[in-house]
Protein backbone atom coordinates (compact mmCIF):
# COMPACT_ATOMS: atom_id res chain seq x y z
CA MET A 1 94.79 5.69 66.21
CA GLY A 2 92.97 7.37 63.63
CA TYR A 3 93.99 10.46 61.68
CA ILE A 4 91.81 12.62 63.92
CA GLU A 5 93.13 11.28 66.99
CA ASP A 6 97.12 11.43 65.99
CA LEU A 7 96.58 15.11 64.99
CA ARG A 8 95.43 15.97 67.76
CA ALA A 9 98.41 14.69 69.90
CA ILE A 10 100.19 16.58 68.23
CA VAL A 11 98.42 20.34 68.13
CA GLY A 12 96.14 19.69 70.96
CA HIS A 13 92.79 21.79 71.75
CA ARG A 14 93.47 24.64 68.44
CA PRO A 15 91.21 24.82 65.86
CA LEU A 16 91.25 22.50 62.77
CA ILE A 17 89.64 21.88 60.20
CA PHE A 18 88.11 18.69 59.65
CA VAL A 19 85.68 17.39 56.19
CA GLY A 20 82.45 15.41 57.03
CA ALA A 21 79.76 13.66 55.10
CA VAL A 22 76.80 13.17 56.13
CA VAL A 23 73.99 11.03 53.76
CA ILE A 24 70.06 11.45 54.12
CA ILE A 25 68.64 7.45 53.63
CA LEU A 26 64.72 7.94 52.24
CA ASP A 27 63.25 4.78 52.80
CA GLU A 28 59.77 3.14 50.57
CA GLN A 29 57.34 5.39 52.33
CA LYS A 30 59.82 8.65 51.43
CA ARG A 31 60.95 8.72 55.12
CA ILE A 32 63.98 9.63 56.78
CA LEU A 33 66.51 7.62 59.24
CA LEU A 34 68.50 9.55 61.76
CA GLN A 35 70.35 9.04 64.62
CA GLN A 36 69.99 9.22 68.01
CA ARG A 37 73.37 9.92 68.99
CA THR A 38 75.41 8.88 72.18
CA PHE A 39 76.98 11.93 71.72
CA PRO A 40 76.23 14.84 72.31
CA ASN A 41 73.21 13.40 74.94
CA GLY A 42 71.50 12.15 72.65
CA VAL A 43 71.16 14.47 70.32
CA TRP A 44 69.56 13.44 67.04
CA GLY A 45 71.23 14.01 63.77
CA LEU A 46 72.01 12.33 60.24
CA PRO A 47 74.31 9.18 59.76
CA GLY A 48 77.80 10.34 58.88
CA GLY A 49 80.85 10.79 60.45
CA LEU A 50 85.05 12.94 59.03
CA MET A 51 87.09 11.46 56.87
CA GLU A 52 90.11 9.42 57.40
CA LEU A 53 93.85 10.35 55.19
CA ALA A 54 93.15 9.14 51.64
CA GLU A 55 89.26 8.82 51.18
CA SER A 56 87.03 10.46 49.09
CA VAL A 57 84.18 12.34 50.03
CA GLU A 58 81.48 9.77 49.10
CA GLU A 59 83.89 7.04 50.46
CA THR A 60 83.47 8.43 53.38
CA ALA A 61 80.17 8.76 53.28
CA SER A 62 79.62 4.97 52.37
CA ARG A 63 81.80 4.37 55.50
CA GLU A 64 80.56 6.16 57.90
CA VAL A 65 77.30 5.12 57.21
CA PHE A 66 77.64 1.63 57.05
CA GLU A 67 80.15 1.50 60.37
CA GLU A 68 76.84 3.79 61.99
CA THR A 69 73.93 1.47 60.91
CA GLY A 70 74.81 -1.59 58.63
CA LEU A 71 73.42 0.09 55.75
CA LYS A 72 75.74 -0.30 52.43
CA VAL A 73 74.19 2.91 50.41
CA HIS A 74 74.54 3.32 47.03
CA ASP A 75 74.03 6.34 44.43
CA LEU A 76 75.01 9.22 46.35
CA ASN A 77 73.01 12.39 45.36
CA LEU A 78 74.57 15.96 46.15
CA ILE A 79 73.01 17.66 48.22
CA ASN A 80 75.50 20.78 48.94
CA VAL A 81 78.62 21.59 51.05
CA TYR A 82 77.73 23.23 54.36
CA SER A 83 80.52 25.37 55.63
CA GLY A 84 81.54 28.86 57.35
CA ALA A 85 82.32 30.61 61.04
CA ASN A 86 78.41 28.79 61.63
CA HIS A 87 79.97 25.21 61.54
CA PHE A 88 82.72 25.84 64.07
CA ALA A 89 82.66 24.00 67.33
CA VAL A 90 84.53 22.93 70.99
CA ALA A 91 83.79 19.22 71.61
CA GLN A 92 83.42 18.05 75.19
CA ASN A 93 87.13 17.67 76.01
CA GLY A 94 88.11 21.61 74.38
CA ASP A 95 89.40 20.46 71.45
CA GLU A 96 87.80 23.40 68.59
CA PHE A 97 87.17 23.01 64.98
CA TYR A 98 85.68 23.90 61.69
CA VAL A 99 83.83 21.29 59.85
CA VAL A 100 83.21 21.77 56.10
CA THR A 101 80.32 18.92 55.37
CA VAL A 102 79.14 17.29 52.49
CA ALA A 103 75.71 16.25 52.53
CA TYR A 104 74.15 13.69 49.76
CA PHE A 105 70.51 11.29 49.92
CA THR A 106 70.24 8.07 48.65
CA ASN A 107 66.69 5.61 48.44
CA LYS A 108 69.24 3.02 47.01
CA VAL A 109 70.73 1.08 50.53
CA GLU A 110 70.96 -2.16 51.18
CA GLY A 111 71.31 -4.19 54.66
CA ASP A 112 69.72 -4.27 57.64
CA ILE A 113 69.46 -1.65 60.37
CA THR A 114 72.51 -2.07 62.83
CA VAL A 115 72.71 0.03 65.92
CA ASP A 116 76.57 0.42 66.55
CA LYS A 117 75.82 0.78 70.94
CA THR A 118 78.97 3.20 70.94
CA GLU A 119 77.57 6.29 68.43
CA SER A 120 74.04 5.13 68.85
CA ILE A 121 71.19 5.10 71.00
CA GLN A 122 68.98 4.44 67.91
CA LEU A 123 68.25 4.80 64.95
CA GLN A 124 64.66 5.07 63.54
CA TYR A 125 62.66 6.79 60.01
CA PHE A 126 60.75 9.68 60.51
CA VAL A 127 58.33 11.41 57.77
CA PRO A 128 59.83 15.11 57.42
CA ASP A 129 57.51 16.75 59.95
CA GLN A 130 58.16 14.95 62.54
CA PHE A 131 61.35 15.39 63.66
CA PRO A 132 62.58 15.38 66.87
CA ALA A 133 62.89 18.56 68.98
CA GLN A 134 66.84 17.91 69.48
CA MET A 135 69.25 17.83 67.08
CA VAL A 136 72.63 18.84 65.64
CA GLY A 137 71.89 22.67 63.94
CA SER A 138 73.32 21.55 60.61
CA HIS A 139 71.70 18.78 60.29
CA ARG A 140 68.58 20.67 60.62
CA GLU A 141 69.44 22.77 58.60
CA ILE A 142 71.01 20.67 55.90
CA LEU A 143 67.35 18.63 56.06
CA LYS A 144 65.10 21.91 55.62
CA GLU A 145 67.46 22.44 51.91
CA PHE A 146 67.03 18.48 50.83
CA ILE A 147 63.14 19.25 51.40
CA GLU A 148 62.74 22.20 49.71
CA LYS A 149 64.72 21.52 46.69
CA HIS A 150 64.30 17.40 46.09
CA TYR A 151 61.95 15.92 48.75
CA LYS A 152 59.65 16.26 46.30
CA ASN A 153 60.96 14.26 43.37
CA ILE A 154 61.46 11.67 44.30
């Protein structure tokens, strides 16, 4: 069992604070890699996930990207840290949580894309004006800020 499962065994469904990381990965054509997630119901989002004990946020970002995509990321650039009341969620099983999400971007990757079928339906690169309609709301916010502040300089 991982840290989150161990913690949930103690506190049940009560609200918790988790730290997570996501990474905007760009290819040579400046397209952005998105993940169609198995949960919740095929919604698209950025590769990433929650921190385990003793990890730095950068290690979390790298590990989660590798687990979900098979890609190794390098030269992570900070976009922003997202937190607050609008980052509250309730999981399908009733677990309540607030997430502090640290968002990065990079165009320095190595490896071949591999889909982890336990977490993803598919992985696909998109140009910014063609993102899927059904996306994780906070990830759409992150992408908007990234495009406004960083995209044209890459």
